[in-house]
Amino acid sequence: MIEFWNSVIVKKSRKKYRCAHCGVVIDVGSSYSRESGKYDGEMQDYALCLRCRKLLDSNSEIWGLIDGELGEFHDKLVDSNFICCPECGDRAGSYKYSDNMMKIEFFCDNCKNNFTIDLSAENLLKEEEKNGQKN
């Protein structure tokens, strides 16, 4: 449980960081989110790339995340109806993330179709808007 938490967007990093979620390198001079606080009695302090910060900010209600935890985001994403085969509409079967976790490659067990889902913040926001219009 979160006792307190602070997320601050840093405009220009003074050194290289690695995003605590996706592992992308945050270069010197790049913007990122500094996350710090106390969770389950332990102090936390780490960097997130802006894409992962946007994923949390824009999708926490849709994916039912508890306290906006990144560790659960991709599990919820894969289990959601967001990732359905474009051919038959069934939920995707087996999957594999790209190295930077920006895309997921899927194989549909039903129709044997391979397809890729773009996990960029821009695409997820588009899908969120599209799904919101259906409801």
C-alpha atoms as a PDB file:
ATOM      1  CA  MET A   1       0.000   0.000   0.000  1.00  0.00           C
ATOM      2  CA  ILE A   2       1.231   3.494  -0.834  1.00  0.00           C
ATOM      3  CA  GLU A   3       1.920   5.620   2.225  1.00  0.00           C
ATOM      4  CA  PHE A   4       3.030   8.625   0.177  1.00  0.00           C
ATOM      5  CA  TRP A   5       4.175   9.133  -3.409  1.00  0.00           C
ATOM      6  CA  ASN A   6       5.631  11.886  -5.556  1.00  0.00           C
ATOM      7  CA  SER A   7       5.946  11.959  -9.355  1.00  0.00           C
ATOM      8  CA  VAL A   8       7.885  14.861 -10.831  1.00  0.00           C
ATOM      9  CA  ILE A   9       8.606  15.479 -14.506  1.00  0.00           C
ATOM     10  CA  VAL A  10      12.263  16.413 -14.866  1.00  0.00           C
ATOM     11  CA  LYS A  11      12.777  18.593 -17.948  1.00  0.00           C
ATOM     12  CA  LYS A  12      16.459  17.730 -18.540  1.00  0.00           C
ATOM     13  CA  SER A  13      18.267  14.827 -16.938  1.00  0.00           C
ATOM     14  CA  ARG A  14      21.801  15.481 -15.773  1.00  0.00           C
ATOM     15  CA  LYS A  15      22.856  11.868 -16.262  1.00  0.00           C
ATOM     16  CA  LYS A  16      21.707   8.695 -18.020  1.00  0.00           C
ATOM     17  CA  TYR A  17      18.968   6.657 -16.404  1.00  0.00           C
ATOM     18  CA  ARG A  18      17.188   3.457 -17.322  1.00  0.00           C
ATOM     19  CA  CYS A  19      13.385   3.363 -17.159  1.00  0.00           C
ATOM     20  CA  ALA A  20      12.417   1.141 -14.236  1.00  0.00           C
ATOM     21  CA  HIS A  21       9.623  -0.417 -16.284  1.00  0.00           C
ATOM     22  CA  CYS A  22      10.560  -0.835 -19.936  1.00  0.00           C
ATOM     23  CA  GLY A  23      14.339  -0.529 -19.577  1.00  0.00           C
ATOM     24  CA  VAL A  24      14.802   2.125 -22.260  1.00  0.00           C
ATOM     25  CA  VAL A  25      17.812   4.390 -21.720  1.00  0.00           C
ATOM     26  CA  ILE A  26      16.905   7.964 -20.780  1.00  0.00           C
ATOM     27  CA  ASP A  27      19.706  10.057 -22.249  1.00  0.00           C
ATOM     28  CA  VAL A  28      21.348  13.110 -20.708  1.00  0.00           C
ATOM     29  CA  GLY A  29      19.216  16.161 -21.492  1.00  0.00           C
ATOM     30  CA  SER A  30      16.006  14.134 -21.938  1.00  0.00           C
ATOM     31  CA  SER A  31      12.810  14.556 -19.947  1.00  0.00           C
ATOM     32  CA  TYR A  32      11.679  11.786 -17.611  1.00  0.00           C
ATOM     33  CA  SER A  33       9.516  11.192 -14.549  1.00  0.00           C
ATOM     34  CA  ARG A  34      11.207  10.871 -11.144  1.00  0.00           C
ATOM     35  CA  GLU A  35       9.136   8.544  -8.956  1.00  0.00           C
ATOM     36  CA  SER A  36       9.697   8.390  -5.216  1.00  0.00           C
ATOM     37  CA  GLY A  37       7.776   7.501  -2.107  1.00  0.00           C
ATOM     38  CA  LYS A  38       7.024   4.824   0.437  1.00  0.00           C
ATOM     39  CA  TYR A  39       5.285   1.633  -0.696  1.00  0.00           C
ATOM     40  CA  ASP A  40       4.609  -1.314   1.633  1.00  0.00           C
ATOM     41  CA  GLY A  41       6.925   0.197   4.214  1.00  0.00           C
ATOM     42  CA  GLU A  42       9.866   0.509   1.825  1.00  0.00           C
ATOM     43  CA  MET A  43      11.262   3.646   0.252  1.00  0.00           C
ATOM     44  CA  GLN A  44      11.249   3.710  -3.548  1.00  0.00           C
ATOM     45  CA  ASP A  45      13.109   6.016  -5.936  1.00  0.00           C
ATOM     46  CA  TYR A  46      13.403   5.431  -9.674  1.00  0.00           C
ATOM     47  CA  ALA A  47      13.105   6.964 -13.140  1.00  0.00           C
ATOM     48  CA  LEU A  48      10.365   6.325 -15.699  1.00  0.00           C
ATOM     49  CA  CYS A  49      10.478   7.312 -19.340  1.00  0.00           C
ATOM     50  CA  LEU A  50       7.631   9.623 -20.313  1.00  0.00           C
ATOM     51  CA  ARG A  51       5.970   6.848 -22.324  1.00  0.00           C
ATOM     52  CA  CYS A  52       5.592   4.628 -19.257  1.00  0.00           C
ATOM     53  CA  ARG A  53       4.414   7.613 -17.201  1.00  0.00           C
ATOM     54  CA  LYS A  54       1.758   8.317 -19.876  1.00  0.00           C
ATOM     55  CA  LEU A  55       0.700   4.672 -19.838  1.00  0.00           C
ATOM     56  CA  LEU A  56       0.023   4.907 -16.133  1.00  0.00           C
ATOM     57  CA  ASP A  57      -1.673   8.295 -16.297  1.00  0.00           C
ATOM     58  CA  SER A  58      -3.915   7.544 -19.248  1.00  0.00           C
ATOM     59  CA  ASN A  59      -4.879   3.936 -18.662  1.00  0.00           C
ATOM     60  CA  SER A  60      -5.166   3.305 -14.937  1.00  0.00           C
ATOM     61  CA  GLU A  61      -8.979   3.296 -14.962  1.00  0.00           C
ATOM     62  CA  ILE A  62      -9.299   1.271 -18.145  1.00  0.00           C
ATOM     63  CA  TRP A  63      -7.000  -1.508 -17.035  1.00  0.00           C
ATOM     64  CA  GLY A  64      -8.141  -1.514 -13.404  1.00  0.00           C
ATOM     65  CA  LEU A  65      -4.720  -0.912 -11.943  1.00  0.00           C
ATOM     66  CA  ILE A  66      -4.434  -0.695  -8.196  1.00  0.00           C
ATOM     67  CA  ASP A  67      -2.450   2.385  -7.143  1.00  0.00           C
ATOM     68  CA  GLY A  68      -1.174   2.694 -10.737  1.00  0.00           C
ATOM     69  CA  GLU A  69       1.378  -0.085 -10.373  1.00  0.00           C
ATOM     70  CA  LEU A  70       3.480  -0.621 -13.482  1.00  0.00           C
ATOM     71  CA  GLY A  71       4.190  -4.232 -12.631  1.00  0.00           C
ATOM     72  CA  GLU A  72       0.548  -5.118 -13.180  1.00  0.00           C
ATOM     73  CA  PHE A  73      -0.001  -2.975 -16.272  1.00  0.00           C
ATOM     74  CA  HIS A  74       1.162  -5.426 -18.918  1.00  0.00           C
ATOM     75  CA  ASP A  75      -0.566  -8.381 -17.243  1.00  0.00           C
ATOM     76  CA  LYS A  76      -3.841  -6.435 -17.267  1.00  0.00           C
ATOM     77  CA  LEU A  77      -3.207  -5.311 -20.837  1.00  0.00           C
ATOM     78  CA  VAL A  78      -2.687  -8.839 -22.111  1.00  0.00           C
ATOM     79  CA  ASP A  79      -5.782 -10.084 -20.238  1.00  0.00           C
ATOM     80  CA  SER A  80      -7.956  -7.218 -21.497  1.00  0.00           C
ATOM     81  CA  ASN A  81     -10.197  -7.078 -24.548  1.00  0.00           C
ATOM     82  CA  PHE A  82      -7.839  -4.472 -26.003  1.00  0.00           C
ATOM     83  CA  ILE A  83      -5.748  -7.205 -27.557  1.00  0.00           C
ATOM     84  CA  CYS A  84      -8.008  -9.162 -29.855  1.00  0.00           C
ATOM     85  CA  CYS A  85      -7.206 -10.741 -33.180  1.00  0.00           C
ATOM     86  CA  PRO A  86      -8.078  -8.354 -36.034  1.00  0.00           C
ATOM     87  CA  GLU A  87      -9.176 -11.329 -38.176  1.00  0.00           C
ATOM     88  CA  CYS A  88     -11.524 -13.295 -35.913  1.00  0.00           C
ATOM     89  CA  GLY A  89     -11.924 -11.061 -32.838  1.00  0.00           C
ATOM     90  CA  ASP A  90     -10.786 -13.725 -30.357  1.00  0.00           C
ATOM     91  CA  ARG A  91      -8.520 -12.722 -27.511  1.00  0.00           C
ATOM     92  CA  ALA A  92      -4.888 -13.209 -28.462  1.00  0.00           C
ATOM     93  CA  GLY A  93      -3.125 -16.423 -27.498  1.00  0.00           C
ATOM     94  CA  SER A  94       0.641 -16.536 -27.169  1.00  0.00           C
ATOM     95  CA  TYR A  95       2.647 -13.303 -27.280  1.00  0.00           C
ATOM     96  CA  LYS A  96       6.145 -11.858 -27.190  1.00  0.00           C
ATOM     97  CA  TYR A  97       7.287  -8.325 -26.320  1.00  0.00           C
ATOM     98  CA  SER A  98       9.781  -6.401 -28.422  1.00  0.00           C
ATOM     99  CA  ASP A  99      13.064  -5.618 -26.655  1.00  0.00           C
ATOM    100  CA  ASN A 100      11.909  -2.129 -25.631  1.00  0.00           C
ATOM    101  CA  MET A 101       8.364  -3.272 -24.746  1.00  0.00           C
ATOM    102  CA  MET A 102       6.898  -0.866 -27.324  1.00  0.00           C
ATOM    103  CA  LYS A 103       5.208  -3.648 -29.298  1.00  0.00           C
ATOM    104  CA  ILE A 104       3.737  -7.058 -28.618  1.00  0.00           C
ATOM    105  CA  GLU A 105       3.693  -9.753 -31.286  1.00  0.00           C
ATOM    106  CA  PHE A 106       0.729 -12.112 -31.017  1.00  0.00           C
ATOM    107  CA  PHE A 107      -0.336 -15.419 -32.448  1.00  0.00           C
ATOM    108  CA  CYS A 108      -4.071 -16.197 -32.585  1.00  0.00           C
ATOM    109  CA  ASP A 109      -4.753 -19.814 -31.651  1.00  0.00           C
ATOM    110  CA  ASN A 110      -8.145 -19.698 -33.373  1.00  0.00           C
ATOM    111  CA  CYS A 111      -7.339 -18.480 -36.897  1.00  0.00           C
ATOM    112  CA  LYS A 112      -3.529 -18.888 -36.812  1.00  0.00           C
ATOM    113  CA  ASN A 113      -3.056 -15.181 -37.527  1.00  0.00           C
ATOM    114  CA  ASN A 114       0.098 -13.295 -36.456  1.00  0.00           C
ATOM    115  CA  PHE A 115      -0.305  -9.618 -35.610  1.00  0.00           C
ATOM    116  CA  THR A 116       1.458  -6.824 -33.723  1.00  0.00           C
ATOM    117  CA  ILE A 117       0.068  -4.330 -31.208  1.00  0.00           C
ATOM    118  CA  ASP A 118       1.711  -0.907 -30.931  1.00  0.00           C
ATOM    119  CA  LEU A 119       2.090   0.062 -27.251  1.00  0.00           C
ATOM    120  CA  SER A 120       3.220   3.622 -27.856  1.00  0.00           C
ATOM    121  CA  ALA A 121       1.436   6.092 -25.618  1.00  0.00           C
ATOM    122  CA  GLU A 122      -0.064   7.731 -28.715  1.00  0.00           C
ATOM    123  CA  ASN A 123      -1.582   4.475 -29.956  1.00  0.00           C
ATOM    124  CA  LEU A 124      -2.927   3.528 -26.526  1.00  0.00           C
ATOM    125  CA  LEU A 125      -4.574   6.933 -26.205  1.00  0.00           C
ATOM    126  CA  LYS A 126      -6.164   6.451 -29.655  1.00  0.00           C
ATOM    127  CA  GLU A 127      -7.465   3.024 -28.633  1.00  0.00           C
ATOM    128  CA  GLU A 128      -8.740   4.437 -25.338  1.00  0.00           C
ATOM    129  CA  GLU A 129     -10.716   7.117 -27.217  1.00  0.00           C
ATOM    130  CA  LYS A 130     -12.029   4.569 -29.735  1.00  0.00           C
ATOM    131  CA  ASN A 131     -13.122   2.151 -26.958  1.00  0.00           C
ATOM    132  CA  GLY A 132     -14.680   5.027 -25.005  1.00  0.00           C
ATOM    133  CA  GLN A 133     -16.846   5.909 -27.998  1.00  0.00           C
ATOM    134  CA  LYS A 134     -18.131   2.313 -28.222  1.00  0.00           C
ATOM    135  CA  ASN A 135     -19.404   2.323 -24.606  1.00  0.00           C
END
